[in-house]
Amino acid sequence: MNGELLGYGARHMLENPAHEVKIYKGSDLILYFFVSSPDEAVANHIATERATDFVKAFGWDDVRVELTKRG
C-alpha cells in the first residue's frame, strides 16, 4: 500500500489499470519510477509534483516525466 500511503495514486506496483510514471533527467537517465492513478490527469499531476521536487532539490532544468497507460 506504499503508493497509496505516499500519495502516488496506486496501492501497489502491480495495480491495473494504472499509469506507469518515469521521471527522467535529460534524455535518458531515469531518476524515479512509480505506478499512479488510471486517471491520466491525476497521474500527470502527481508525476509533475514529483518532478518538481527534483528540480527544487537539485536545481536541474532538464527533468521530464513520461506516462504509460497499462491495463
PDB file of N, CA and C in Angstrom:
ATOM      1  N   MET A   1       0.815  -1.196   0.000  1.00  0.00           N
ATOM      2  CA  MET A   1       0.000   0.000   0.000  1.00  0.00           C
ATOM      3  C   MET A   1       0.862   1.265   0.000  1.00  0.00           C
ATOM      4  N   ASN A   2       2.153   1.136  -0.293  1.00  0.00           N
ATOM      5  CA  ASN A   2       3.042   2.294  -0.247  1.00  0.00           C
ATOM      6  C   ASN A   2       2.593   3.423  -1.162  1.00  0.00           C
ATOM      7  N   GLY A   3       2.208   3.093  -2.391  1.00  0.00           N
ATOM      8  CA  GLY A   3       1.793   4.133  -3.320  1.00  0.00           C
ATOM      9  C   GLY A   3       0.603   4.916  -2.825  1.00  0.00           C
ATOM     10  N   GLU A   4      -0.320   4.238  -2.223  1.00  0.00           N
ATOM     11  CA  GLU A   4      -1.495   4.895  -1.667  1.00  0.00           C
ATOM     12  C   GLU A   4      -1.103   5.762  -0.465  1.00  0.00           C
ATOM     13  N   LEU A   5      -0.262   5.228   0.408  1.00  0.00           N
ATOM     14  CA  LEU A   5       0.159   5.961   1.598  1.00  0.00           C
ATOM     15  C   LEU A   5       1.026   7.169   1.259  1.00  0.00           C
ATOM     16  N   LEU A   6       1.866   7.044   0.244  1.00  0.00           N
ATOM     17  CA  LEU A   6       2.778   8.131  -0.134  1.00  0.00           C
ATOM     18  C   LEU A   6       2.180   9.086  -1.159  1.00  0.00           C
ATOM     19  N   GLY A   7       0.967   8.809  -1.609  1.00  0.00           N
ATOM     20  CA  GLY A   7       0.285   9.740  -2.498  1.00  0.00           C
ATOM     21  C   GLY A   7       0.606   9.597  -3.979  1.00  0.00           C
ATOM     22  N   TYR A   8       1.017   8.405  -4.419  1.00  0.00           N
ATOM     23  CA  TYR A   8       1.326   8.202  -5.832  1.00  0.00           C
ATOM     24  C   TYR A   8       0.111   7.800  -6.661  1.00  0.00           C
ATOM     25  N   GLY A   9      -0.961   7.441  -6.017  1.00  0.00           N
ATOM     26  CA  GLY A   9      -2.196   7.163  -6.732  1.00  0.00           C
ATOM     27  C   GLY A   9      -2.522   5.697  -6.939  1.00  0.00           C
ATOM     28  N   ALA A  10      -1.587   4.795  -6.770  1.00  0.00           N
ATOM     29  CA  ALA A  10      -1.845   3.363  -6.908  1.00  0.00           C
ATOM     30  C   ALA A  10      -1.405   2.669  -5.622  1.00  0.00           C
ATOM     31  N   ARG A  11      -2.172   1.667  -5.218  1.00  0.00           N
ATOM     32  CA  ARG A  11      -1.843   0.968  -3.962  1.00  0.00           C
ATOM     33  C   ARG A  11      -0.509   0.232  -4.038  1.00  0.00           C
ATOM     34  N   HIS A  12      -0.222  -0.374  -5.199  1.00  0.00           N
ATOM     35  CA  HIS A  12       0.995  -1.173  -5.325  1.00  0.00           C
ATOM     36  C   HIS A  12       1.465  -1.181  -6.774  1.00  0.00           C
ATOM     37  N   MET A  13       2.648  -1.707  -6.999  1.00  0.00           N
ATOM     38  CA  MET A  13       3.294  -1.685  -8.321  1.00  0.00           C
ATOM     39  C   MET A  13       2.561  -2.512  -9.368  1.00  0.00           C
ATOM     40  N   LEU A  14       1.776  -3.491  -8.973  1.00  0.00           N
ATOM     41  CA  LEU A  14       1.122  -4.380  -9.928  1.00  0.00           C
ATOM     42  C   LEU A  14      -0.319  -3.995 -10.229  1.00  0.00           C
ATOM     43  N   GLU A  15      -0.792  -2.904  -9.663  1.00  0.00           N
ATOM     44  CA  GLU A  15      -2.185  -2.496  -9.848  1.00  0.00           C
ATOM     45  C   GLU A  15      -2.493  -2.172 -11.315  1.00  0.00           C
ATOM     46  N   ASN A  16      -3.666  -2.635 -11.753  1.00  0.00           N
ATOM     47  CA  ASN A  16      -4.175  -2.336 -13.095  1.00  0.00           C
ATOM     48  C   ASN A  16      -5.640  -1.999 -12.980  1.00  0.00           C
ATOM     49  N   PRO A  17      -6.182  -1.097 -13.759  1.00  0.00           N
ATOM     50  CA  PRO A  17      -5.460  -0.221 -14.681  1.00  0.00           C
ATOM     51  C   PRO A  17      -4.702   0.850 -13.903  1.00  0.00           C
ATOM     52  N   ALA A  18      -3.698   1.404 -14.534  1.00  0.00           N
ATOM     53  CA  ALA A  18      -2.845   2.412 -13.895  1.00  0.00           C
ATOM     54  C   ALA A  18      -1.980   3.081 -14.955  1.00  0.00           C
ATOM     55  N   HIS A  19      -1.222   4.050 -14.530  1.00  0.00           N
ATOM     56  CA  HIS A  19      -0.197   4.663 -15.374  1.00  0.00           C
ATOM     57  C   HIS A  19       1.160   4.399 -14.744  1.00  0.00           C
ATOM     58  N   GLU A  20       2.089   3.935 -15.546  1.00  0.00           N
ATOM     59  CA  GLU A  20       3.473   3.859 -15.106  1.00  0.00           C
ATOM     60  C   GLU A  20       4.081   5.238 -15.329  1.00  0.00           C
ATOM     61  N   VAL A  21       4.798   5.722 -14.330  1.00  0.00           N
ATOM     62  CA  VAL A  21       5.411   7.045 -14.420  1.00  0.00           C
ATOM     63  C   VAL A  21       6.923   6.891 -14.318  1.00  0.00           C
ATOM     64  N   LYS A  22       7.617   7.489 -15.267  1.00  0.00           N
ATOM     65  CA  LYS A  22       9.079   7.558 -15.219  1.00  0.00           C
ATOM     66  C   LYS A  22       9.454   9.030 -15.209  1.00  0.00           C
ATOM     67  N   ILE A  23      10.373   9.373 -14.316  1.00  0.00           N
ATOM     68  CA  ILE A  23      10.896  10.733 -14.252  1.00  0.00           C
ATOM     69  C   ILE A  23      12.355  10.671 -14.700  1.00  0.00           C
ATOM     70  N   TYR A  24      12.667  11.474 -15.700  1.00  0.00           N
ATOM     71  CA  TYR A  24      13.992  11.477 -16.309  1.00  0.00           C
ATOM     72  C   TYR A  24      14.742  12.767 -16.016  1.00  0.00           C
ATOM     73  N   LYS A  25      16.053  12.657 -15.961  1.00  0.00           N
ATOM     74  CA  LYS A  25      16.946  13.805 -16.037  1.00  0.00           C
ATOM     75  C   LYS A  25      17.617  13.703 -17.394  1.00  0.00           C
ATOM     76  N   GLY A  26      17.458  14.733 -18.184  1.00  0.00           N
ATOM     77  CA  GLY A  26      17.993  14.678 -19.535  1.00  0.00           C
ATOM     78  C   GLY A  26      17.161  13.741 -20.390  1.00  0.00           C
ATOM     79  N   SER A  27      17.761  13.237 -21.440  1.00  0.00           N
ATOM     80  CA  SER A  27      17.002  12.429 -22.389  1.00  0.00           C
ATOM     81  C   SER A  27      16.823  10.980 -21.971  1.00  0.00           C
ATOM     82  N   ASP A  28      17.731  10.439 -21.117  1.00  0.00           N
ATOM     83  CA  ASP A  28      17.636   9.000 -20.873  1.00  0.00           C
ATOM     84  C   ASP A  28      17.994   8.509 -19.476  1.00  0.00           C
ATOM     85  N   LEU A  29      18.298   9.379 -18.534  1.00  0.00           N
ATOM     86  CA  LEU A  29      18.627   8.938 -17.182  1.00  0.00           C
ATOM     87  C   LEU A  29      17.349   8.881 -16.345  1.00  0.00           C
ATOM     88  N   ILE A  30      16.913   7.670 -16.003  1.00  0.00           N
ATOM     89  CA  ILE A  30      15.706   7.520 -15.190  1.00  0.00           C
ATOM     90  C   ILE A  30      16.066   7.792 -13.729  1.00  0.00           C
ATOM     91  N   LEU A  31      15.401   8.802 -13.171  1.00  0.00           N
ATOM     92  CA  LEU A  31      15.601   9.140 -11.765  1.00  0.00           C
ATOM     93  C   LEU A  31      14.664   8.377 -10.857  1.00  0.00           C
ATOM     94  N   TYR A  32      13.436   8.140 -11.335  1.00  0.00           N
ATOM     95  CA  TYR A  32      12.410   7.621 -10.452  1.00  0.00           C
ATOM     96  C   TYR A  32      11.332   6.924 -11.264  1.00  0.00           C
ATOM     97  N   PHE A  33      10.751   5.879 -10.695  1.00  0.00           N
ATOM     98  CA  PHE A  33       9.677   5.128 -11.332  1.00  0.00           C
ATOM     99  C   PHE A  33       8.624   4.820 -10.282  1.00  0.00           C
ATOM    100  N   PHE A  34       7.347   4.986 -10.642  1.00  0.00           N
ATOM    101  CA  PHE A  34       6.268   4.569  -9.757  1.00  0.00           C
ATOM    102  C   PHE A  34       5.009   4.331 -10.576  1.00  0.00           C
ATOM    103  N   VAL A  35       4.027   3.735  -9.937  1.00  0.00           N
ATOM    104  CA  VAL A  35       2.745   3.441 -10.578  1.00  0.00           C
ATOM    105  C   VAL A  35       1.710   4.377  -9.971  1.00  0.00           C
ATOM    106  N   SER A  36       0.916   4.986 -10.851  1.00  0.00           N
ATOM    107  CA  SER A  36      -0.022   6.003 -10.407  1.00  0.00           C
ATOM    108  C   SER A  36      -1.444   5.694 -10.862  1.00  0.00           C
ATOM    109  N   SER A  37      -2.281   6.648 -10.696  1.00  0.00           N
ATOM    110  CA  SER A  37      -3.712   6.545 -10.969  1.00  0.00           C
ATOM    111  C   SER A  37      -4.025   6.153 -12.411  1.00  0.00           C
ATOM    112  N   PRO A  38      -5.132   5.453 -12.642  1.00  0.00           N
ATOM    113  CA  PRO A  38      -5.566   5.179 -14.010  1.00  0.00           C
ATOM    114  C   PRO A  38      -6.088   6.444 -14.704  1.00  0.00           C
ATOM    115  N   ASP A  39      -6.432   7.459 -13.928  1.00  0.00           N
ATOM    116  CA  ASP A  39      -6.883   8.741 -14.471  1.00  0.00           C
ATOM    117  C   ASP A  39      -5.650   9.534 -14.929  1.00  0.00           C
ATOM    118  N   GLU A  40      -5.561   9.803 -16.227  1.00  0.00           N
ATOM    119  CA  GLU A  40      -4.361  10.446 -16.771  1.00  0.00           C
ATOM    120  C   GLU A  40      -4.103  11.819 -16.165  1.00  0.00           C
ATOM    121  N   ALA A  41      -5.148  12.599 -15.949  1.00  0.00           N
ATOM    122  CA  ALA A  41      -4.960  13.934 -15.377  1.00  0.00           C
ATOM    123  C   ALA A  41      -4.389  13.851 -13.963  1.00  0.00           C
ATOM    124  N   VAL A  42      -4.898  12.910 -13.170  1.00  0.00           N
ATOM    125  CA  VAL A  42      -4.403  12.725 -11.803  1.00  0.00           C
ATOM    126  C   VAL A  42      -2.960  12.231 -11.834  1.00  0.00           C
ATOM    127  N   ALA A  43      -2.682  11.225 -12.665  1.00  0.00           N
ATOM    128  CA  ALA A  43      -1.322  10.685 -12.765  1.00  0.00           C
ATOM    129  C   ALA A  43      -0.333  11.761 -13.213  1.00  0.00           C
ATOM    130  N   ASN A  44      -0.735  12.578 -14.183  1.00  0.00           N
ATOM    131  CA  ASN A  44       0.141  13.648 -14.669  1.00  0.00           C
ATOM    132  C   ASN A  44       0.399  14.682 -13.579  1.00  0.00           C
ATOM    133  N   HIS A  45      -0.623  15.008 -12.813  1.00  0.00           N
ATOM    134  CA  HIS A  45      -0.457  15.973 -11.718  1.00  0.00           C
ATOM    135  C   HIS A  45       0.536  15.451 -10.676  1.00  0.00           C
ATOM    136  N   ILE A  46       0.362  14.197 -10.272  1.00  0.00           N
ATOM    137  CA  ILE A  46       1.255  13.596  -9.282  1.00  0.00           C
ATOM    138  C   ILE A  46       2.680  13.517  -9.827  1.00  0.00           C
ATOM    139  N   ALA A  47       2.816  13.100 -11.081  1.00  0.00           N
ATOM    140  CA  ALA A  47       4.141  12.989 -11.708  1.00  0.00           C
ATOM    141  C   ALA A  47       4.835  14.346 -11.781  1.00  0.00           C
ATOM    142  N   THR A  48       4.085  15.366 -12.150  1.00  0.00           N
ATOM    143  CA  THR A  48       4.657  16.710 -12.247  1.00  0.00           C
ATOM    144  C   THR A  48       5.106  17.218 -10.879  1.00  0.00           C
ATOM    145  N   GLU A  49       4.324  16.925  -9.845  1.00  0.00           N
ATOM    146  CA  GLU A  49       4.730  17.316  -8.492  1.00  0.00           C
ATOM    147  C   GLU A  49       6.034  16.641  -8.084  1.00  0.00           C
ATOM    148  N   ARG A  50       6.163  15.344  -8.372  1.00  0.00           N
ATOM    149  CA  ARG A  50       7.398  14.633  -8.012  1.00  0.00           C
ATOM    150  C   ARG A  50       8.573  15.165  -8.828  1.00  0.00           C
ATOM    151  N   ALA A  51       8.375  15.449 -10.103  1.00  0.00           N
ATOM    152  CA  ALA A  51       9.448  16.005 -10.926  1.00  0.00           C
ATOM    153  C   ALA A  51       9.871  17.365 -10.382  1.00  0.00           C
ATOM    154  N   THR A  52       8.917  18.148  -9.962  1.00  0.00           N
ATOM    155  CA  THR A  52       9.218  19.463  -9.386  1.00  0.00           C
ATOM    156  C   THR A  52      10.039  19.326  -8.113  1.00  0.00           C
ATOM    157  N   ASP A  53       9.819  18.253  -7.354  1.00  0.00           N
ATOM    158  CA  ASP A  53      10.640  18.003  -6.166  1.00  0.00           C
ATOM    159  C   ASP A  53      12.116  17.892  -6.540  1.00  0.00           C
ATOM    160  N   PHE A  54      12.419  17.173  -7.634  1.00  0.00           N
ATOM    161  CA  PHE A  54      13.810  17.047  -8.087  1.00  0.00           C
ATOM    162  C   PHE A  54      14.368  18.396  -8.529  1.00  0.00           C
ATOM    163  N   VAL A  55      13.570  19.172  -9.243  1.00  0.00           N
ATOM    164  CA  VAL A  55      14.008  20.493  -9.709  1.00  0.00           C
ATOM    165  C   VAL A  55      14.332  21.385  -8.508  1.00  0.00           C
ATOM    166  N   LYS A  56      13.445  21.412  -7.524  1.00  0.00           N
ATOM    167  CA  LYS A  56      13.662  22.242  -6.339  1.00  0.00           C
ATOM    168  C   LYS A  56      14.871  21.768  -5.521  1.00  0.00           C
ATOM    169  N   ALA A  57      15.014  20.458  -5.384  1.00  0.00           N
ATOM    170  CA  ALA A  57      16.091  19.909  -4.556  1.00  0.00           C
ATOM    171  C   ALA A  57      17.471  20.090  -5.182  1.00  0.00           C
ATOM    172  N   PHE A  58      17.550  19.943  -6.513  1.00  0.00           N
ATOM    173  CA  PHE A  58      18.860  19.931  -7.162  1.00  0.00           C
ATOM    174  C   PHE A  58      19.092  21.066  -8.155  1.00  0.00           C
ATOM    175  N   GLY A  59      18.052  21.823  -8.473  1.00  0.00           N
ATOM    176  CA  GLY A  59      18.202  22.941  -9.393  1.00  0.00           C
ATOM    177  C   GLY A  59      18.322  22.542 -10.856  1.00  0.00           C
ATOM    178  N   TRP A  60      17.965  21.302 -11.163  1.00  0.00           N
ATOM    179  CA  TRP A  60      18.055  20.832 -12.549  1.00  0.00           C
ATOM    180  C   TRP A  60      16.951  21.467 -13.389  1.00  0.00           C
ATOM    181  N   ASP A  61      17.267  21.732 -14.657  1.00  0.00           N
ATOM    182  CA  ASP A  61      16.254  22.278 -15.561  1.00  0.00           C
ATOM    183  C   ASP A  61      15.911  21.312 -16.693  1.00  0.00           C
ATOM    184  N   ASP A  62      16.403  20.098 -16.598  1.00  0.00           N
ATOM    185  CA  ASP A  62      16.175  19.113 -17.666  1.00  0.00           C
ATOM    186  C   ASP A  62      15.472  17.860 -17.139  1.00  0.00           C
ATOM    187  N   VAL A  63      14.488  18.071 -16.279  1.00  0.00           N
ATOM    188  CA  VAL A  63      13.710  16.970 -15.718  1.00  0.00           C
ATOM    189  C   VAL A  63      12.398  16.875 -16.487  1.00  0.00           C
ATOM    190  N   ARG A  64      12.031  15.650 -16.855  1.00  0.00           N
ATOM    191  CA  ARG A  64      10.778  15.452 -17.600  1.00  0.00           C
ATOM    192  C   ARG A  64      10.089  14.189 -17.103  1.00  0.00           C
ATOM    193  N   VAL A  65       8.781  14.101 -17.371  1.00  0.00           N
ATOM    194  CA  VAL A  65       8.007  12.924 -16.981  1.00  0.00           C
ATOM    195  C   VAL A  65       7.478  12.212 -18.217  1.00  0.00           C
ATOM    196  N   GLU A  66       7.287  10.910 -18.072  1.00  0.00           N
ATOM    197  CA  GLU A  66       6.709  10.081 -19.133  1.00  0.00           C
ATOM    198  C   GLU A  66       5.676   9.171 -18.493  1.00  0.00           C
ATOM    199  N   LEU A  67       4.453   9.197 -19.020  1.00  0.00           N
ATOM    200  CA  LEU A  67       3.371   8.343 -18.516  1.00  0.00           C
ATOM    201  C   LEU A  67       3.048   7.289 -19.559  1.00  0.00           C
ATOM    202  N   THR A  68       2.855   6.057 -19.099  1.00  0.00           N
ATOM    203  CA  THR A  68       2.450   4.962 -19.963  1.00  0.00           C
ATOM    204  C   THR A  68       1.244   4.285 -19.325  1.00  0.00           C
ATOM    205  N   LYS A  69       0.139   4.264 -20.036  1.00  0.00           N
ATOM    206  CA  LYS A  69      -1.081   3.631 -19.522  1.00  0.00           C
ATOM    207  C   LYS A  69      -0.945   2.116 -19.659  1.00  0.00           C
ATOM    208  N   ARG A  70      -1.381   1.419 -18.636  1.00  0.00           N
ATOM    209  CA  ARG A  70      -1.374  -0.050 -18.696  1.00  0.00           C
ATOM    210  C   ARG A  70      -2.698  -0.575 -18.175  1.00  0.00           C
ATOM    211  N   GLY A  71      -3.019  -1.772 -18.619  1.00  0.00           N
ATOM    212  CA  GLY A  71      -4.223  -2.453 -18.162  1.00  0.00           C
ATOM    213  C   GLY A  71      -5.426  -1.924 -18.798  1.00  0.00           C
TER     214      GLY A  71
END
